[in-house]
Amino acid sequence: MKLKWPGFNEKGTVIIELEAETFCIAKNTLNVLGKSFIAKDEFHVTLIGTQAGLILLDKIKYNKAINQRCPRKKRLNQSTGHSSRPVR
């Protein structure tokens, strides 16, 4: 399965969002050692965390050669240092 590059979010992380329907998630609350757990309504895999993401964004912002290689829609905004891609 081929996925599009998700881009950096407002926190500087890169995540791949996953559909909840992909997983067999319990609908009921689970109780483990007296603690209750419910399934999240959002699933994702973090590829690049905030700290590393902010370092990468800074490097991309100030390196014209790297910035030019960013996909056009996701090229960094020079004033903010963030992707022009809308955040969901």
N, C-alpha and C. Protein backbone atom coordinates (compact mmCIF):
# COMPACT_ATOMS: atom_id res chain seq x y z
N MET A 1 0.85 -1.17 0.00
CA MET A 1 0.00 0.00 0.00
C MET A 1 0.89 1.24 0.00
N LYS A 2 0.64 2.14 -0.94
CA LYS A 2 1.40 3.37 -1.05
C LYS A 2 0.62 4.51 -0.41
N LEU A 3 1.27 5.25 0.49
CA LEU A 3 0.62 6.38 1.16
C LEU A 3 1.30 7.67 0.73
N LYS A 4 0.55 8.76 0.74
CA LYS A 4 1.12 10.07 0.46
C LYS A 4 1.91 10.54 1.68
N TRP A 5 2.95 11.35 1.43
CA TRP A 5 3.71 11.97 2.51
C TRP A 5 2.76 12.85 3.31
N PRO A 6 2.61 12.60 4.62
CA PRO A 6 1.62 13.33 5.41
C PRO A 6 2.03 14.76 5.76
N GLY A 7 3.31 15.07 5.67
CA GLY A 7 3.77 16.41 6.05
C GLY A 7 3.90 16.55 7.56
N PHE A 8 4.46 17.68 7.97
CA PHE A 8 4.62 17.99 9.39
C PHE A 8 3.34 18.65 9.89
N ASN A 9 2.95 18.35 11.13
CA ASN A 9 1.80 19.04 11.70
C ASN A 9 2.27 20.27 12.46
N GLU A 10 1.35 20.96 13.13
CA GLU A 10 1.69 22.20 13.82
C GLU A 10 2.67 22.01 14.97
N LYS A 11 2.83 20.78 15.46
CA LYS A 11 3.77 20.51 16.56
C LYS A 11 5.14 20.08 16.03
N GLY A 12 5.27 19.93 14.71
CA GLY A 12 6.53 19.50 14.12
C GLY A 12 6.65 17.99 13.99
N THR A 13 5.59 17.27 14.29
CA THR A 13 5.64 15.81 14.17
C THR A 13 5.13 15.36 12.80
N VAL A 14 5.52 14.16 12.43
CA VAL A 14 5.02 13.53 11.21
C VAL A 14 4.29 12.27 11.64
N ILE A 15 3.01 12.21 11.35
CA ILE A 15 2.22 11.05 11.72
C ILE A 15 1.47 10.51 10.51
N ILE A 16 1.20 9.22 10.55
CA ILE A 16 0.35 8.58 9.55
C ILE A 16 -0.94 8.22 10.27
N GLU A 17 -2.02 8.79 9.80
CA GLU A 17 -3.31 8.49 10.41
C GLU A 17 -3.80 7.14 9.91
N LEU A 18 -4.42 6.37 10.80
CA LEU A 18 -4.94 5.05 10.48
C LEU A 18 -6.44 5.02 10.72
N GLU A 19 -7.13 4.24 9.92
CA GLU A 19 -8.57 4.09 10.08
C GLU A 19 -8.85 3.13 11.23
N ALA A 20 -9.73 3.51 12.13
CA ALA A 20 -10.07 2.68 13.28
C ALA A 20 -10.67 1.34 12.83
N GLU A 21 -11.37 1.37 11.69
CA GLU A 21 -12.01 0.16 11.18
C GLU A 21 -10.99 -0.91 10.77
N THR A 22 -9.73 -0.53 10.62
CA THR A 22 -8.67 -1.46 10.25
C THR A 22 -8.39 -2.45 11.38
N PHE A 23 -8.70 -2.06 12.60
CA PHE A 23 -8.39 -2.85 13.77
C PHE A 23 -9.65 -3.45 14.39
N CYS A 24 -9.48 -4.56 15.04
CA CYS A 24 -10.59 -5.18 15.76
C CYS A 24 -10.53 -4.65 17.20
N ILE A 25 -11.21 -3.55 17.42
CA ILE A 25 -11.15 -2.87 18.71
C ILE A 25 -12.41 -3.17 19.51
N ALA A 26 -12.23 -3.48 20.78
CA ALA A 26 -13.37 -3.76 21.66
C ALA A 26 -14.23 -2.52 21.82
N LYS A 27 -15.51 -2.70 21.81
CA LYS A 27 -16.46 -1.59 21.99
C LYS A 27 -16.72 -1.33 23.47
N ASN A 28 -16.40 -2.30 24.30
CA ASN A 28 -16.68 -2.20 25.73
C ASN A 28 -15.46 -1.69 26.49
N THR A 29 -15.71 -1.14 27.65
CA THR A 29 -14.63 -0.71 28.54
C THR A 29 -13.91 -1.94 29.08
N LEU A 30 -12.59 -1.89 29.10
CA LEU A 30 -11.79 -2.97 29.68
C LEU A 30 -11.34 -2.55 31.07
N ASN A 31 -11.40 -3.47 32.01
CA ASN A 31 -10.93 -3.21 33.37
C ASN A 31 -9.72 -4.09 33.64
N VAL A 32 -8.59 -3.44 33.95
CA VAL A 32 -7.35 -4.14 34.25
C VAL A 32 -6.82 -3.63 35.57
N LEU A 33 -6.73 -4.52 36.54
CA LEU A 33 -6.22 -4.17 37.86
C LEU A 33 -6.90 -2.91 38.42
N GLY A 34 -8.21 -2.85 38.27
CA GLY A 34 -8.97 -1.74 38.82
C GLY A 34 -8.97 -0.47 37.99
N LYS A 35 -8.29 -0.47 36.86
CA LYS A 35 -8.26 0.71 35.98
C LYS A 35 -9.13 0.43 34.76
N SER A 36 -9.91 1.41 34.35
CA SER A 36 -10.78 1.27 33.19
C SER A 36 -10.13 1.88 31.95
N PHE A 37 -10.24 1.17 30.83
CA PHE A 37 -9.68 1.63 29.57
C PHE A 37 -10.76 1.56 28.50
N ILE A 38 -10.82 2.61 27.68
CA ILE A 38 -11.71 2.59 26.53
C ILE A 38 -10.88 2.82 25.27
N ALA A 39 -11.36 2.32 24.15
CA ALA A 39 -10.64 2.48 22.89
C ALA A 39 -10.62 3.95 22.46
N LYS A 40 -9.50 4.38 21.93
CA LYS A 40 -9.41 5.74 21.40
C LYS A 40 -10.24 5.83 20.12
N ASP A 41 -10.64 7.03 19.77
CA ASP A 41 -11.38 7.21 18.54
C ASP A 41 -10.47 7.68 17.40
N GLU A 42 -9.16 7.75 17.66
CA GLU A 42 -8.19 8.20 16.67
C GLU A 42 -6.95 7.31 16.77
N PHE A 43 -6.45 6.89 15.62
CA PHE A 43 -5.28 6.02 15.59
C PHE A 43 -4.24 6.62 14.65
N HIS A 44 -2.97 6.54 15.06
CA HIS A 44 -1.90 7.01 14.19
C HIS A 44 -0.58 6.34 14.58
N VAL A 45 0.37 6.44 13.66
CA VAL A 45 1.74 6.00 13.90
C VAL A 45 2.61 7.25 13.81
N THR A 46 3.40 7.51 14.83
CA THR A 46 4.30 8.66 14.81
C THR A 46 5.60 8.25 14.13
N LEU A 47 5.91 8.91 13.01
CA LEU A 47 7.15 8.64 12.30
C LEU A 47 8.30 9.49 12.83
N ILE A 48 8.00 10.76 13.08
CA ILE A 48 9.00 11.70 13.58
C ILE A 48 8.35 12.47 14.73
N GLY A 49 8.96 12.41 15.90
CA GLY A 49 8.43 13.09 17.07
C GLY A 49 8.69 14.59 17.05
N THR A 50 8.14 15.29 18.02
CA THR A 50 8.21 16.74 18.07
C THR A 50 9.64 17.28 18.09
N GLN A 51 10.47 16.75 18.97
CA GLN A 51 11.84 17.29 19.09
C GLN A 51 12.62 17.12 17.79
N ALA A 52 12.63 15.93 17.24
CA ALA A 52 13.35 15.69 15.98
C ALA A 52 12.69 16.44 14.83
N GLY A 53 11.36 16.51 14.83
CA GLY A 53 10.64 17.21 13.78
C GLY A 53 10.98 18.69 13.73
N LEU A 54 11.06 19.33 14.88
CA LEU A 54 11.40 20.75 14.91
C LEU A 54 12.82 21.01 14.42
N ILE A 55 13.73 20.10 14.74
CA ILE A 55 15.11 20.22 14.23
C ILE A 55 15.12 20.08 12.71
N LEU A 56 14.40 19.08 12.20
CA LEU A 56 14.33 18.88 10.75
C LEU A 56 13.69 20.07 10.05
N LEU A 57 12.60 20.59 10.60
CA LEU A 57 11.94 21.75 10.00
C LEU A 57 12.88 22.94 9.91
N ASP A 58 13.67 23.14 10.97
CA ASP A 58 14.63 24.24 10.97
C ASP A 58 15.67 24.05 9.88
N LYS A 59 16.18 22.83 9.74
CA LYS A 59 17.19 22.54 8.71
C LYS A 59 16.60 22.74 7.32
N ILE A 60 15.37 22.29 7.12
CA ILE A 60 14.72 22.43 5.82
C ILE A 60 14.47 23.91 5.51
N LYS A 61 14.01 24.64 6.50
CA LYS A 61 13.67 26.05 6.31
C LYS A 61 14.87 26.86 5.82
N TYR A 62 16.03 26.60 6.41
CA TYR A 62 17.21 27.40 6.09
C TYR A 62 18.12 26.80 5.03
N ASN A 63 17.76 25.64 4.47
CA ASN A 63 18.55 25.03 3.41
C ASN A 63 17.71 25.05 2.14
N LYS A 64 18.01 26.01 1.26
CA LYS A 64 17.22 26.21 0.05
C LYS A 64 17.15 24.95 -0.81
N ALA A 65 18.25 24.21 -0.91
CA ALA A 65 18.27 23.00 -1.74
C ALA A 65 17.29 21.95 -1.21
N ILE A 66 17.26 21.79 0.11
CA ILE A 66 16.33 20.82 0.71
C ILE A 66 14.89 21.33 0.58
N ASN A 67 14.69 22.62 0.86
CA ASN A 67 13.35 23.20 0.80
C ASN A 67 12.77 23.04 -0.61
N GLN A 68 13.59 23.20 -1.64
CA GLN A 68 13.12 23.07 -3.02
C GLN A 68 12.68 21.64 -3.33
N ARG A 69 13.22 20.67 -2.61
CA ARG A 69 12.86 19.26 -2.84
C ARG A 69 11.56 18.86 -2.16
N CYS A 70 11.06 19.73 -1.25
CA CYS A 70 9.79 19.44 -0.60
C CYS A 70 8.69 19.52 -1.65
N PRO A 71 7.72 18.62 -1.58
CA PRO A 71 6.61 18.71 -2.53
C PRO A 71 5.99 20.11 -2.49
N ARG A 72 5.61 20.61 -3.65
CA ARG A 72 5.14 21.99 -3.78
C ARG A 72 4.04 22.36 -2.79
N LYS A 73 3.05 21.54 -2.64
CA LYS A 73 1.95 21.85 -1.72
C LYS A 73 2.42 21.85 -0.27
N LYS A 74 3.50 21.17 0.01
CA LYS A 74 3.94 21.04 1.39
C LYS A 74 5.23 21.81 1.64
N ARG A 75 5.63 22.66 0.69
CA ARG A 75 6.84 23.44 0.88
C ARG A 75 6.68 24.33 2.09
N LEU A 76 7.74 24.55 2.80
CA LEU A 76 7.65 25.30 4.05
C LEU A 76 7.38 26.78 3.82
N ASN A 77 6.54 27.31 4.68
CA ASN A 77 6.27 28.73 4.69
C ASN A 77 7.47 29.40 5.34
N GLN A 78 8.14 30.29 4.63
CA GLN A 78 9.37 30.89 5.13
C GLN A 78 9.15 31.73 6.38
N SER A 79 7.95 32.28 6.56
CA SER A 79 7.73 33.12 7.74
C SER A 79 7.46 32.30 8.99
N THR A 80 6.79 31.13 8.84
CA THR A 80 6.44 30.35 10.02
C THR A 80 7.33 29.14 10.21
N GLY A 81 7.93 28.65 9.10
CA GLY A 81 8.73 27.44 9.20
C GLY A 81 7.89 26.19 9.15
N HIS A 82 6.57 26.34 8.96
CA HIS A 82 5.69 25.18 8.92
C HIS A 82 5.20 24.93 7.51
N SER A 83 4.73 23.74 7.31
CA SER A 83 4.19 23.33 6.02
C SER A 83 2.95 24.15 5.70
N SER A 84 2.73 24.37 4.41
CA SER A 84 1.52 25.09 4.00
C SER A 84 0.34 24.14 3.92
N ARG A 85 0.57 22.86 4.19
CA ARG A 85 -0.50 21.86 4.16
C ARG A 85 -1.43 22.10 5.33
N PRO A 86 -2.76 22.10 5.08
CA PRO A 86 -3.69 22.30 6.19
C PRO A 86 -3.58 21.17 7.21
N VAL A 87 -3.73 21.49 8.45
CA VAL A 87 -3.67 20.50 9.53
C VAL A 87 -5.08 20.05 9.84
N ARG A 88 -5.24 18.74 9.97
CA ARG A 88 -6.57 18.19 10.29
C ARG A 88 -6.75 18.11 11.78
